[in-house]
Amino acid sequence: MTKERTELATPYLSGLLEFWLTKSVAGRPPVPSSIAPADLRPWKDNIAVFEVIGEEAGTFVYSYYGKALATAFGQSRLGATLDDLPPEQRALLQPEYETVRRERLPVARVHTAVFGGRTRSFERLVLPMSSDGVSIDKLLVAAYEMTPRELAARPPLQSLGPGGSSSGPVPLTVQKPGASV
């Protein structure tokens, strides 16, 4: 399935999406073991990795939490689950992560909210991974704070649902040039 691709405003996220595409095989999300920790070095401070436990309504457990995220949000969430988040935050993330699991496609979103007493905007990218080629058992999530200039320059993202001050999650094209889906 091919979805509309929306250009990412953050070059690091574009680079991570391209890297993820190189690790995808035959239209399937990458196998986590095909990605060495050193491969993620350019993004390591701005990523979180989730282990997905359970089949239907999964439990998402933070198995890695980058230093820039811990600084931006005031704490590391390593070992925590989405259930440990405030209800409004969980209500935003849980359906997004379930959509990535179900659709097996990356999604991107810009989220603006008050963090640490000030309004900030982050562009986010959620990438599925599958150890067995069938079930999505890991999510690689990256978030980069956007400057006011980046926010003003980016075209609006298509919203797929209510998001308050967030652009809804936008599925991204994952088809490589010359590949069939």
C-alpha atoms as a PDB file:
ATOM      1  CA  MET A   1       0.000   0.000   0.000  1.00  0.00           C
ATOM      2  CA  THR A   2       1.375   3.374  -0.952  1.00  0.00           C
ATOM      3  CA  LYS A   3       0.334   6.462   0.947  1.00  0.00           C
ATOM      4  CA  GLU A   4       0.869  10.112   0.100  1.00  0.00           C
ATOM      5  CA  ARG A   5       4.315  11.286   1.093  1.00  0.00           C
ATOM      6  CA  THR A   6       4.598  14.553   2.886  1.00  0.00           C
ATOM      7  CA  GLU A   7       8.001  16.169   2.926  1.00  0.00           C
ATOM      8  CA  LEU A   8       9.555  16.347   6.327  1.00  0.00           C
ATOM      9  CA  ALA A   9      10.753  19.764   7.460  1.00  0.00           C
ATOM     10  CA  THR A  10      13.557  18.364   9.601  1.00  0.00           C
ATOM     11  CA  PRO A  11      16.521  17.118   7.545  1.00  0.00           C
ATOM     12  CA  TYR A  12      17.490  14.651  10.281  1.00  0.00           C
ATOM     13  CA  LEU A  13      14.053  13.026  10.042  1.00  0.00           C
ATOM     14  CA  SER A  14      14.320  12.838   6.259  1.00  0.00           C
ATOM     15  CA  GLY A  15      17.695  11.142   6.679  1.00  0.00           C
ATOM     16  CA  LEU A  16      16.277   8.675   9.204  1.00  0.00           C
ATOM     17  CA  LEU A  17      13.374   7.833   6.898  1.00  0.00           C
ATOM     18  CA  GLU A  18      15.799   7.223   4.016  1.00  0.00           C
ATOM     19  CA  PHE A  19      17.950   5.020   6.275  1.00  0.00           C
ATOM     20  CA  TRP A  20      14.835   3.047   7.328  1.00  0.00           C
ATOM     21  CA  LEU A  21      13.954   2.560   3.651  1.00  0.00           C
ATOM     22  CA  THR A  22      17.403   1.089   2.947  1.00  0.00           C
ATOM     23  CA  LYS A  23      16.804  -1.469   5.708  1.00  0.00           C
ATOM     24  CA  SER A  24      13.322  -2.402   4.444  1.00  0.00           C
ATOM     25  CA  VAL A  25      13.225  -5.545   2.311  1.00  0.00           C
ATOM     26  CA  ALA A  26      10.521  -6.476  -0.212  1.00  0.00           C
ATOM     27  CA  GLY A  27       8.169  -3.798   1.093  1.00  0.00           C
ATOM     28  CA  ARG A  28       8.414  -5.061   4.677  1.00  0.00           C
ATOM     29  CA  PRO A  29       9.527  -3.001   7.665  1.00  0.00           C
ATOM     30  CA  PRO A  30      13.131  -3.597   8.725  1.00  0.00           C
ATOM     31  CA  VAL A  31      14.155  -6.408  11.016  1.00  0.00           C
ATOM     32  CA  PRO A  32      15.558  -4.775  14.185  1.00  0.00           C
ATOM     33  CA  SER A  33      18.621  -7.038  14.119  1.00  0.00           C
ATOM     34  CA  SER A  34      19.565  -5.525  10.741  1.00  0.00           C
ATOM     35  CA  ILE A  35      20.155  -2.171  12.440  1.00  0.00           C
ATOM     36  CA  ALA A  36      23.275  -1.889  14.569  1.00  0.00           C
ATOM     37  CA  PRO A  37      23.286   0.703  17.354  1.00  0.00           C
ATOM     38  CA  ALA A  38      26.160   2.448  15.553  1.00  0.00           C
ATOM     39  CA  ASP A  39      23.903   2.857  12.492  1.00  0.00           C
ATOM     40  CA  LEU A  40      21.652   5.109  14.563  1.00  0.00           C
ATOM     41  CA  ARG A  41      24.457   7.317  15.856  1.00  0.00           C
ATOM     42  CA  PRO A  42      23.367  10.421  13.841  1.00  0.00           C
ATOM     43  CA  TRP A  43      19.935  10.317  15.515  1.00  0.00           C
ATOM     44  CA  LYS A  44      20.673   8.629  18.869  1.00  0.00           C
ATOM     45  CA  ASP A  45      19.953  11.640  21.074  1.00  0.00           C
ATOM     46  CA  ASN A  46      16.564  12.288  19.467  1.00  0.00           C
ATOM     47  CA  ILE A  47      15.112   8.789  19.289  1.00  0.00           C
ATOM     48  CA  ALA A  48      13.084   6.532  21.502  1.00  0.00           C
ATOM     49  CA  VAL A  49      12.672   2.829  20.822  1.00  0.00           C
ATOM     50  CA  PHE A  50       9.583   0.986  21.980  1.00  0.00           C
ATOM     51  CA  GLU A  51       9.234  -2.743  22.533  1.00  0.00           C
ATOM     52  CA  VAL A  52       5.687  -3.747  21.627  1.00  0.00           C
ATOM     53  CA  ILE A  53       4.273  -6.401  23.913  1.00  0.00           C
ATOM     54  CA  GLY A  54       0.970  -8.092  23.095  1.00  0.00           C
ATOM     55  CA  GLU A  55      -0.962  -8.747  19.929  1.00  0.00           C
ATOM     56  CA  GLU A  56      -4.130  -6.641  19.821  1.00  0.00           C
ATOM     57  CA  ALA A  57      -3.883  -3.597  22.059  1.00  0.00           C
ATOM     58  CA  GLY A  58      -0.152  -3.627  22.616  1.00  0.00           C
ATOM     59  CA  THR A  59       1.796  -2.342  25.558  1.00  0.00           C
ATOM     60  CA  PHE A  60       4.530   0.029  24.446  1.00  0.00           C
ATOM     61  CA  VAL A  61       7.650  -0.052  26.647  1.00  0.00           C
ATOM     62  CA  TYR A  62      10.462   2.462  26.238  1.00  0.00           C
ATOM     63  CA  SER A  63      13.617   0.383  25.687  1.00  0.00           C
ATOM     64  CA  TYR A  64      15.786   3.352  24.646  1.00  0.00           C
ATOM     65  CA  TYR A  65      15.357   7.065  25.338  1.00  0.00           C
ATOM     66  CA  GLY A  66      17.745   9.608  23.794  1.00  0.00           C
ATOM     67  CA  LYS A  67      19.506  12.287  25.829  1.00  0.00           C
ATOM     68  CA  ALA A  68      18.015  15.215  23.873  1.00  0.00           C
ATOM     69  CA  LEU A  69      14.520  13.868  24.531  1.00  0.00           C
ATOM     70  CA  ALA A  70      15.251  13.435  28.241  1.00  0.00           C
ATOM     71  CA  THR A  71      16.514  17.024  28.372  1.00  0.00           C
ATOM     72  CA  ALA A  72      13.591  18.402  26.354  1.00  0.00           C
ATOM     73  CA  PHE A  73      10.946  16.637  28.431  1.00  0.00           C
ATOM     74  CA  GLY A  74      12.669  16.803  31.818  1.00  0.00           C
ATOM     75  CA  GLN A  75      13.247  13.092  32.373  1.00  0.00           C
ATOM     76  CA  SER A  76      14.141   9.798  30.793  1.00  0.00           C
ATOM     77  CA  ARG A  77      11.254   7.410  30.223  1.00  0.00           C
ATOM     78  CA  LEU A  78      13.497   4.343  29.898  1.00  0.00           C
ATOM     79  CA  GLY A  79      11.585   1.282  31.144  1.00  0.00           C
ATOM     80  CA  ALA A  80       8.274   3.170  31.378  1.00  0.00           C
ATOM     81  CA  THR A  81       5.184   2.381  29.306  1.00  0.00           C
ATOM     82  CA  LEU A  82       2.679   4.619  27.563  1.00  0.00           C
ATOM     83  CA  ASP A  83       0.356   3.855  30.476  1.00  0.00           C
ATOM     84  CA  ASP A  84       2.757   5.854  32.676  1.00  0.00           C
ATOM     85  CA  LEU A  85       2.173   9.038  30.642  1.00  0.00           C
ATOM     86  CA  PRO A  86      -0.429  11.672  31.528  1.00  0.00           C
ATOM     87  CA  PRO A  87      -3.847  10.680  30.100  1.00  0.00           C
ATOM     88  CA  GLU A  88      -3.961  13.431  27.445  1.00  0.00           C
ATOM     89  CA  GLN A  89      -0.511  12.484  26.145  1.00  0.00           C
ATOM     90  CA  ARG A  90      -1.341   8.764  26.143  1.00  0.00           C
ATOM     91  CA  ALA A  91      -4.626   9.506  24.301  1.00  0.00           C
ATOM     92  CA  LEU A  92      -2.624  11.163  21.532  1.00  0.00           C
ATOM     93  CA  LEU A  93       0.181   8.586  21.229  1.00  0.00           C
ATOM     94  CA  GLN A  94      -1.602   5.245  21.740  1.00  0.00           C
ATOM     95  CA  PRO A  95      -3.833   5.499  18.615  1.00  0.00           C
ATOM     96  CA  GLU A  96      -0.906   6.788  16.554  1.00  0.00           C
ATOM     97  CA  TYR A  97       1.313   3.862  17.552  1.00  0.00           C
ATOM     98  CA  GLU A  98      -1.517   1.373  16.999  1.00  0.00           C
ATOM     99  CA  THR A  99      -2.015   2.834  13.495  1.00  0.00           C
ATOM    100  CA  VAL A 100       1.680   2.317  12.710  1.00  0.00           C
ATOM    101  CA  ARG A 101       1.396  -1.292  13.908  1.00  0.00           C
ATOM    102  CA  ARG A 102      -1.747  -1.953  11.874  1.00  0.00           C
ATOM    103  CA  GLU A 103      -0.728  -0.154   8.670  1.00  0.00           C
ATOM    104  CA  ARG A 104       2.952  -1.153   8.928  1.00  0.00           C
ATOM    105  CA  LEU A 105       3.884   2.265   7.533  1.00  0.00           C
ATOM    106  CA  PRO A 106       5.729   5.256   8.993  1.00  0.00           C
ATOM    107  CA  VAL A 107       3.781   8.299  10.109  1.00  0.00           C
ATOM    108  CA  ALA A 108       4.903  11.871  10.710  1.00  0.00           C
ATOM    109  CA  ARG A 109       3.333  14.626  12.735  1.00  0.00           C
ATOM    110  CA  VAL A 110       4.121  18.066  14.111  1.00  0.00           C
ATOM    111  CA  HIS A 111       3.060  18.493  17.717  1.00  0.00           C
ATOM    112  CA  THR A 112       2.856  21.845  19.483  1.00  0.00           C
ATOM    113  CA  ALA A 113       2.227  21.979  23.216  1.00  0.00           C
ATOM    114  CA  VAL A 114       3.511  23.478  26.433  1.00  0.00           C
ATOM    115  CA  PHE A 115       6.636  21.652  27.581  1.00  0.00           C
ATOM    116  CA  GLY A 116       8.551  22.871  30.619  1.00  0.00           C
ATOM    117  CA  GLY A 117       6.436  26.006  30.846  1.00  0.00           C
ATOM    118  CA  ARG A 118       6.874  27.143  27.256  1.00  0.00           C
ATOM    119  CA  THR A 119       5.190  26.414  23.950  1.00  0.00           C
ATOM    120  CA  ARG A 120       7.347  24.255  21.722  1.00  0.00           C
ATOM    121  CA  SER A 121       6.840  22.347  18.473  1.00  0.00           C
ATOM    122  CA  PHE A 122       8.357  19.001  17.578  1.00  0.00           C
ATOM    123  CA  GLU A 123       8.300  17.178  14.271  1.00  0.00           C
ATOM    124  CA  ARG A 124       7.963  13.447  14.928  1.00  0.00           C
ATOM    125  CA  LEU A 125       8.507  10.337  12.846  1.00  0.00           C
ATOM    126  CA  VAL A 126       7.335   6.858  13.887  1.00  0.00           C
ATOM    127  CA  LEU A 127       8.900   3.890  12.077  1.00  0.00           C
ATOM    128  CA  PRO A 128       7.723   0.276  12.423  1.00  0.00           C
ATOM    129  CA  MET A 129      10.105  -2.694  12.721  1.00  0.00           C
ATOM    130  CA  SER A 130       9.363  -6.424  12.649  1.00  0.00           C
ATOM    131  CA  SER A 131      11.568  -9.232  13.951  1.00  0.00           C
ATOM    132  CA  ASP A 132       9.555 -11.939  12.166  1.00  0.00           C
ATOM    133  CA  GLY A 133       8.437  -9.999   9.069  1.00  0.00           C
ATOM    134  CA  VAL A 134       4.812 -10.210  10.219  1.00  0.00           C
ATOM    135  CA  SER A 135       4.215  -8.591  13.618  1.00  0.00           C
ATOM    136  CA  ILE A 136       5.384  -5.083  14.407  1.00  0.00           C
ATOM    137  CA  ASP A 137       7.304  -5.617  17.645  1.00  0.00           C
ATOM    138  CA  LYS A 138       9.366  -2.409  17.809  1.00  0.00           C
ATOM    139  CA  LEU A 139       8.761   1.231  17.005  1.00  0.00           C
ATOM    140  CA  LEU A 140      11.565   3.669  16.321  1.00  0.00           C
ATOM    141  CA  VAL A 141      10.350   7.180  17.162  1.00  0.00           C
ATOM    142  CA  ALA A 142      12.351  10.326  16.468  1.00  0.00           C
ATOM    143  CA  ALA A 143      11.458  13.878  17.477  1.00  0.00           C
ATOM    144  CA  TYR A 144      13.198  17.148  16.692  1.00  0.00           C
ATOM    145  CA  GLU A 145      12.248  20.552  17.996  1.00  0.00           C
ATOM    146  CA  MET A 146      11.328  22.958  15.225  1.00  0.00           C
ATOM    147  CA  THR A 147      12.319  26.593  15.132  1.00  0.00           C
ATOM    148  CA  PRO A 148       9.688  29.254  14.379  1.00  0.00           C
ATOM    149  CA  ARG A 149      11.340  29.683  10.957  1.00  0.00           C
ATOM    150  CA  GLU A 150      10.986  25.942  10.176  1.00  0.00           C
ATOM    151  CA  LEU A 151       7.348  26.018  11.292  1.00  0.00           C
ATOM    152  CA  ALA A 152       6.567  28.996   9.093  1.00  0.00           C
ATOM    153  CA  ALA A 153       8.358  27.513   6.069  1.00  0.00           C
ATOM    154  CA  ARG A 154       6.771  24.066   6.085  1.00  0.00           C
ATOM    155  CA  PRO A 155       3.594  23.387   4.166  1.00  0.00           C
ATOM    156  CA  PRO A 156       0.711  22.285   6.376  1.00  0.00           C
ATOM    157  CA  LEU A 157       0.474  18.543   6.931  1.00  0.00           C
ATOM    158  CA  GLN A 158      -2.778  16.820   6.056  1.00  0.00           C
ATOM    159  CA  SER A 159      -4.586  16.020   9.283  1.00  0.00           C
ATOM    160  CA  LEU A 160      -6.119  12.566   9.573  1.00  0.00           C
ATOM    161  CA  GLY A 161      -8.172  13.306  12.645  1.00  0.00           C
ATOM    162  CA  PRO A 162      -8.597  15.534  15.652  1.00  0.00           C
ATOM    163  CA  GLY A 163      -5.314  16.613  17.081  1.00  0.00           C
ATOM    164  CA  GLY A 164      -5.834  19.882  18.882  1.00  0.00           C
ATOM    165  CA  SER A 165      -2.630  21.757  18.270  1.00  0.00           C
ATOM    166  CA  SER A 166      -1.071  18.796  16.489  1.00  0.00           C
ATOM    167  CA  SER A 167      -1.141  17.978  12.867  1.00  0.00           C
ATOM    168  CA  GLY A 168      -2.612  14.500  12.734  1.00  0.00           C
ATOM    169  CA  PRO A 169      -0.352  11.593  11.893  1.00  0.00           C
ATOM    170  CA  VAL A 170       0.410  11.506   8.191  1.00  0.00           C
ATOM    171  CA  PRO A 171       1.295   8.184   6.558  1.00  0.00           C
ATOM    172  CA  LEU A 172       4.409   8.441   4.395  1.00  0.00           C
ATOM    173  CA  THR A 173       5.225   6.785   1.115  1.00  0.00           C
ATOM    174  CA  VAL A 174       7.647   3.957   1.670  1.00  0.00           C
ATOM    175  CA  GLN A 175       7.976   2.848  -1.934  1.00  0.00           C
ATOM    176  CA  LYS A 176      11.499   3.111  -3.290  1.00  0.00           C
ATOM    177  CA  PRO A 177      11.908   4.479  -6.824  1.00  0.00           C
ATOM    178  CA  GLY A 178      11.508   1.609  -9.281  1.00  0.00           C
ATOM    179  CA  ALA A 179      10.028  -0.727  -6.647  1.00  0.00           C
ATOM    180  CA  SER A 180       6.519  -2.084  -6.737  1.00  0.00           C
ATOM    181  CA  VAL A 181       4.273  -2.194  -3.745  1.00  0.00           C
END
